Amino acid sequence: MPSPWQHSRSSSADDIDFEIKGQELQFVEIELDPGESAVAEAGAMVWKDASIGMTTVFGDGSEAGGGGFMGKLLGAGKRLVTGESLFTTVFTHNGGGKARVAFASPTPGAILPIKLDSVGGTLICQKDAFLAAARGVAIGIEFQRRIMTGLFGGEGFIMQRLDGDGWVFVQMGGTVIERNLAPGEVLHVDTGCLAAYTPSVTFDLETVGGVKSMIFGGEGAFFARLTGPGKVWIQSLPFSRLAGRMLQAAGGRGQNRGEGSVLGELGDFIGGNR
């Protein structure tokens, strides 16, 4: 059964063609013209045509050889604090005609293609969301300025920030739902299930209710409170929740709903992880 996520070239010369294949264990197949490039996380490649060359670069490759050493060092440092490798791999079609390269997500779920200029040029997402992109997309960091959101928001104080105007492919757990929030519209989301949002959305926390709900409701003490306008992407199965269930089955600590907290055991209890 073919995936509904596919794109064929329009009028833009820099536009890449792609198709996302599979259901729960997906991979994205990108078609490149001569001279075109895609950048991906180290180790994400599944296969490629022989005419596509591989180059490992320091940072995200968005400088395209410019920016000097300090610029590249800063870009690599931003990737490091979001838990990614210092390096990415650039795949460039060096031959004639068409050539293809495929990248796969390391966890069960969905690969979501997003054209950054269609969402205002910026996407804020969970720390390990980036999989691949057209060369030129910058991978940076987004700080949570509210202390409570940073402590209990599921993603910590730092999230990934993707900037540019090209295609980016982000990996999310389980089934993914996109919500368009009207100005002032509020949505409550489990802190671990918030996968991505546009910068116009306000991300804050709200308590779940009474003490009984906090202790016995299984959802922790807080919801992610998202206020429009803007777009929000919600994942049904964060990898941390899946890993927590596996640990529980193996006799470990039990379910983990979010990405952890700097408060350790207390943070696990407040976040609904214990």
Protein backbone atom coordinates (compact mmCIF):
# COMPACT_ATOMS: atom_id res chain seq x y z
CA MET A 1 0.00 0.00 0.00
CA PRO A 2 1.69 3.27 -1.08
CA SER A 3 2.24 6.05 1.41
CA PRO A 4 0.19 9.22 1.00
CA TRP A 5 3.34 11.17 1.86
CA GLN A 6 5.13 11.82 -1.37
CA HIS A 7 6.19 14.83 -3.39
CA SER A 8 7.11 15.36 -7.01
CA ARG A 9 9.07 18.34 -8.24
CA SER A 10 7.25 21.58 -8.88
CA SER A 11 8.70 24.70 -10.50
CA SER A 12 11.50 25.19 -7.96
CA ALA A 13 14.93 23.98 -9.15
CA ASP A 14 16.05 23.33 -5.55
CA ASP A 15 12.98 21.26 -4.68
CA ILE A 16 13.75 17.61 -3.91
CA ASP A 17 11.44 14.73 -4.78
CA PHE A 18 10.69 12.12 -2.14
CA GLU A 19 8.39 9.31 -1.09
CA ILE A 20 7.83 7.93 2.40
CA LYS A 21 7.29 4.18 2.39
CA GLY A 22 6.06 1.72 4.98
CA GLN A 23 3.58 1.99 7.81
CA GLU A 24 4.92 1.63 11.37
CA LEU A 25 8.58 1.20 10.38
CA GLN A 26 9.02 3.84 7.70
CA PHE A 27 11.82 5.11 5.52
CA VAL A 28 12.02 8.13 3.24
CA GLU A 29 13.36 7.76 -0.29
CA ILE A 30 14.78 11.00 -1.73
CA GLU A 31 15.40 11.52 -5.43
CA LEU A 32 18.22 13.90 -6.36
CA ASP A 33 19.16 15.64 -9.59
CA PRO A 34 22.85 16.11 -10.46
CA GLY A 35 24.47 18.42 -7.94
CA GLU A 36 21.61 18.25 -5.44
CA SER A 37 22.27 17.21 -1.85
CA ALA A 38 20.46 15.91 1.20
CA VAL A 39 21.76 15.95 4.76
CA ALA A 40 20.95 13.29 7.36
CA GLU A 41 21.81 12.11 10.83
CA ALA A 42 24.85 9.83 11.01
CA GLY A 43 23.76 6.21 10.63
CA ALA A 44 20.34 6.98 9.15
CA MET A 45 21.08 5.77 5.61
CA VAL A 46 19.45 2.55 4.39
CA TRP A 47 20.71 2.47 0.80
CA LYS A 48 21.87 4.76 -2.00
CA ASP A 49 22.69 4.70 -5.69
CA ALA A 50 26.41 4.47 -6.43
CA SER A 51 26.54 7.94 -8.04
CA ILE A 52 25.62 9.57 -4.73
CA GLY A 53 28.70 10.46 -2.72
CA MET A 54 28.89 10.71 1.09
CA THR A 55 30.68 13.44 3.00
CA THR A 56 30.75 13.73 6.79
CA VAL A 57 30.60 17.35 7.93
CA PHE A 58 31.03 19.15 11.24
CA GLY A 59 27.63 20.47 12.35
CA ASP A 60 24.54 20.46 10.14
CA GLY A 61 26.11 21.36 6.78
CA SER A 62 23.91 24.43 6.38
CA GLU A 63 26.91 26.71 5.87
CA ALA A 64 27.70 24.88 2.61
CA GLY A 65 31.43 25.31 3.19
CA GLY A 66 31.21 28.90 4.46
CA GLY A 67 30.99 30.52 7.85
CA GLY A 68 34.53 29.67 8.97
CA PHE A 69 35.63 27.31 11.70
CA MET A 70 33.91 29.17 14.54
CA GLY A 71 30.59 29.12 12.70
CA LYS A 72 30.87 25.39 12.14
CA LEU A 73 31.91 24.86 15.77
CA LEU A 74 28.86 26.79 16.97
CA GLY A 75 26.56 24.75 14.71
CA ALA A 76 28.06 21.49 15.97
CA GLY A 77 27.75 22.67 19.57
CA LYS A 78 24.05 23.35 19.10
CA ARG A 79 23.58 19.80 17.86
CA LEU A 80 25.54 18.41 20.78
CA VAL A 81 23.35 20.04 23.44
CA THR A 82 20.22 18.56 21.82
CA GLY A 83 21.70 15.06 22.18
CA GLU A 84 22.73 14.62 18.54
CA SER A 85 26.11 13.76 17.07
CA LEU A 86 28.64 16.52 16.32
CA PHE A 87 28.56 15.35 12.71
CA THR A 88 26.01 14.91 9.94
CA THR A 89 26.37 13.24 6.56
CA VAL A 90 25.80 15.07 3.27
CA PHE A 91 24.72 12.96 0.28
CA THR A 92 25.41 14.60 -3.11
CA HIS A 93 24.46 13.28 -6.54
CA ASN A 94 27.68 13.43 -8.56
CA GLY A 95 26.47 11.67 -11.72
CA GLY A 96 23.87 12.24 -14.44
CA GLY A 97 20.14 11.66 -14.50
CA LYS A 98 18.27 10.77 -11.33
CA ALA A 99 19.65 9.03 -8.25
CA ARG A 100 18.07 8.00 -4.96
CA VAL A 101 19.04 7.67 -1.33
CA ALA A 102 16.90 6.32 1.52
CA PHE A 103 16.90 7.08 5.25
CA ALA A 104 15.07 5.25 8.04
CA SER A 105 13.87 6.18 11.50
CA PRO A 106 15.52 4.17 14.32
CA THR A 107 12.24 3.80 16.23
CA PRO A 108 8.68 2.68 15.38
CA GLY A 109 6.48 5.55 14.30
CA ALA A 110 6.10 8.01 11.48
CA ILE A 111 8.39 10.15 9.34
CA LEU A 112 6.73 13.50 8.75
CA PRO A 113 7.74 15.68 5.78
CA ILE A 114 7.41 19.41 6.39
CA LYS A 115 8.22 22.22 3.96
CA LEU A 116 9.59 24.84 6.30
CA ASP A 117 8.47 27.82 4.24
CA SER A 118 4.89 26.54 4.56
CA VAL A 119 5.07 26.90 8.38
CA GLY A 120 6.82 30.26 8.50
CA GLY A 121 10.39 29.00 8.10
CA THR A 122 10.82 27.55 11.60
CA LEU A 123 9.79 24.34 13.37
CA ILE A 124 10.36 23.61 17.07
CA CYS A 125 10.44 19.90 17.86
CA GLN A 126 11.58 17.27 20.34
CA LYS A 127 15.33 16.90 20.75
CA ASP A 128 15.82 13.78 18.62
CA ALA A 129 13.24 14.56 15.91
CA PHE A 130 15.51 15.49 13.00
CA LEU A 131 16.17 12.68 10.51
CA ALA A 132 17.06 14.28 7.16
CA ALA A 133 16.54 17.40 5.07
CA ALA A 134 17.42 19.19 1.89
CA ARG A 135 20.84 20.76 2.32
CA GLY A 136 20.59 24.28 3.71
CA VAL A 137 18.26 23.57 6.63
CA ALA A 138 19.85 24.81 9.86
CA ILE A 139 19.55 22.68 13.01
CA GLY A 140 19.66 24.81 16.14
CA ILE A 141 18.32 24.93 19.67
CA GLU A 142 15.23 26.44 21.28
CA PHE A 143 15.38 27.31 24.98
CA GLN A 144 12.34 27.02 27.21
CA ARG A 145 12.36 30.36 29.02
CA ARG A 146 9.80 29.38 31.65
CA ILE A 147 11.41 27.48 34.52
CA MET A 148 8.39 25.25 35.20
CA THR A 149 8.10 24.32 31.53
CA GLY A 150 11.77 23.43 31.40
CA LEU A 151 11.58 21.32 34.55
CA PHE A 152 8.36 19.43 33.88
CA GLY A 153 7.57 19.96 30.19
CA GLY A 154 8.86 16.54 29.12
CA GLU A 155 11.60 17.90 26.81
CA GLY A 156 13.68 19.76 29.40
CA PHE A 157 14.93 23.27 28.77
CA ILE A 158 16.25 22.62 25.25
CA MET A 159 14.38 21.53 22.11
CA GLN A 160 15.45 21.36 18.46
CA ARG A 161 14.86 24.35 16.18
CA LEU A 162 14.85 23.77 12.41
CA ASP A 163 15.17 26.86 10.20
CA GLY A 164 15.08 27.28 6.43
CA ASP A 165 12.74 27.10 3.47
CA GLY A 166 13.26 23.54 2.24
CA TRP A 167 11.95 20.07 3.06
CA VAL A 168 12.78 18.56 6.43
CA PHE A 169 11.94 15.03 7.60
CA VAL A 170 11.26 14.57 11.30
CA GLN A 171 10.69 11.30 13.15
CA MET A 172 7.87 10.90 15.65
CA GLY A 173 6.55 7.96 17.66
CA GLY A 174 3.39 6.03 16.88
CA THR A 175 0.66 7.82 14.92
CA VAL A 176 1.04 11.55 14.30
CA ILE A 177 -1.81 14.08 14.32
CA GLU A 178 -1.55 17.67 13.10
CA ARG A 179 -3.73 20.29 14.79
CA ASN A 180 -4.28 23.85 13.59
CA LEU A 181 -5.00 26.08 16.57
CA ALA A 182 -6.98 29.28 16.11
CA PRO A 183 -5.92 32.44 17.97
CA GLY A 184 -6.59 31.89 21.67
CA GLU A 185 -7.54 28.21 21.21
CA VAL A 186 -6.08 26.02 23.97
CA LEU A 187 -5.08 22.36 23.71
CA HIS A 188 -3.93 20.08 26.55
CA VAL A 189 -1.38 17.43 25.58
CA ASP A 190 0.54 14.84 27.60
CA THR A 191 4.01 16.33 28.00
CA GLY A 192 5.67 13.34 26.34
CA CYS A 193 3.30 13.36 23.36
CA LEU A 194 4.12 16.87 22.20
CA ALA A 195 6.28 16.28 19.12
CA ALA A 196 6.53 19.67 17.39
CA TYR A 197 4.93 23.09 17.05
CA THR A 198 5.39 26.39 15.23
CA PRO A 199 6.91 29.37 17.11
CA SER A 200 3.61 31.27 17.16
CA VAL A 201 2.20 28.66 19.58
CA THR A 202 2.63 29.41 23.29
CA PHE A 203 3.90 26.38 25.24
CA ASP A 204 3.16 26.39 28.96
CA LEU A 205 2.08 23.95 31.69
CA GLU A 206 -1.21 23.48 33.51
CA THR A 207 -1.91 21.29 36.54
CA VAL A 208 -4.10 18.26 35.95
CA GLY A 209 -6.46 19.06 38.82
CA GLY A 210 -6.86 17.74 42.35
CA VAL A 211 -4.41 15.75 44.44
CA LYS A 212 -6.23 12.47 43.66
CA SER A 213 -5.82 13.03 39.93
CA MET A 214 -2.14 13.83 40.36
CA ILE A 215 -1.40 10.73 42.43
CA PHE A 216 -3.70 8.11 40.90
CA GLY A 217 -4.57 9.49 37.45
CA GLY A 218 -1.34 8.26 35.86
CA GLU A 219 -0.84 11.48 33.90
CA GLY A 220 1.51 13.23 36.29
CA ALA A 221 0.95 16.69 37.76
CA PHE A 222 0.99 18.72 34.53
CA PHE A 223 -0.37 18.89 31.00
CA ALA A 224 1.38 20.73 28.20
CA ARG A 225 -0.83 23.79 27.60
CA LEU A 226 -0.62 24.95 23.97
CA THR A 227 -2.27 28.20 22.95
CA GLY A 228 -2.79 29.23 19.32
CA PRO A 229 -2.45 30.50 16.74
CA GLY A 230 -0.25 27.95 15.02
CA LYS A 231 0.27 24.30 14.21
CA VAL A 232 0.94 21.47 16.66
CA TRP A 233 2.03 17.89 15.94
CA ILE A 234 1.12 15.23 18.49
CA GLN A 235 2.66 11.73 18.67
CA SER A 236 0.71 8.83 20.14
CA LEU A 237 3.74 6.82 21.32
CA PRO A 238 6.85 8.68 22.51
CA PHE A 239 9.87 6.39 22.44
CA SER A 240 10.47 7.07 26.14
CA ARG A 241 7.00 5.65 26.92
CA LEU A 242 7.73 2.54 24.83
CA ALA A 243 11.10 2.13 26.55
CA GLY A 244 9.43 2.50 29.94
CA ARG A 245 6.96 -0.27 29.14
CA MET A 246 9.83 -2.51 28.06
CA LEU A 247 11.68 -1.81 31.31
CA GLN A 248 8.51 -2.55 33.24
CA ALA A 249 8.12 -5.89 31.48
CA ALA A 250 11.76 -6.66 32.20
CA GLY A 251 11.35 -5.86 35.90
CA GLY A 252 12.77 -2.35 35.74
CA ARG A 253 11.44 0.89 37.13
CA GLY A 254 8.29 1.10 35.03
CA GLN A 255 6.59 3.43 32.62
CA ASN A 256 8.25 6.66 31.51
CA ARG A 257 5.93 9.18 29.91
CA GLY A 258 8.29 12.01 29.13
CA GLU A 259 11.91 12.70 28.33
CA GLY A 260 12.99 12.93 31.96
CA SER A 261 13.56 15.69 34.43
CA VAL A 262 16.48 17.31 36.17
CA LEU A 263 14.70 16.54 39.46
CA GLY A 264 15.31 12.80 39.25
CA GLU A 265 12.93 10.62 41.31
CA LEU A 266 10.76 13.60 42.33
CA GLY A 267 10.53 14.72 38.72
CA ASP A 268 9.50 11.21 37.66
CA PHE A 269 6.66 11.23 40.19
CA ILE A 270 5.44 14.71 39.23
CA GLY A 271 5.67 13.86 35.51
CA GLY A 272 3.66 10.67 35.86
CA ASN A 273 6.61 8.33 35.38
CA ARG A 274 6.23 6.49 38.67
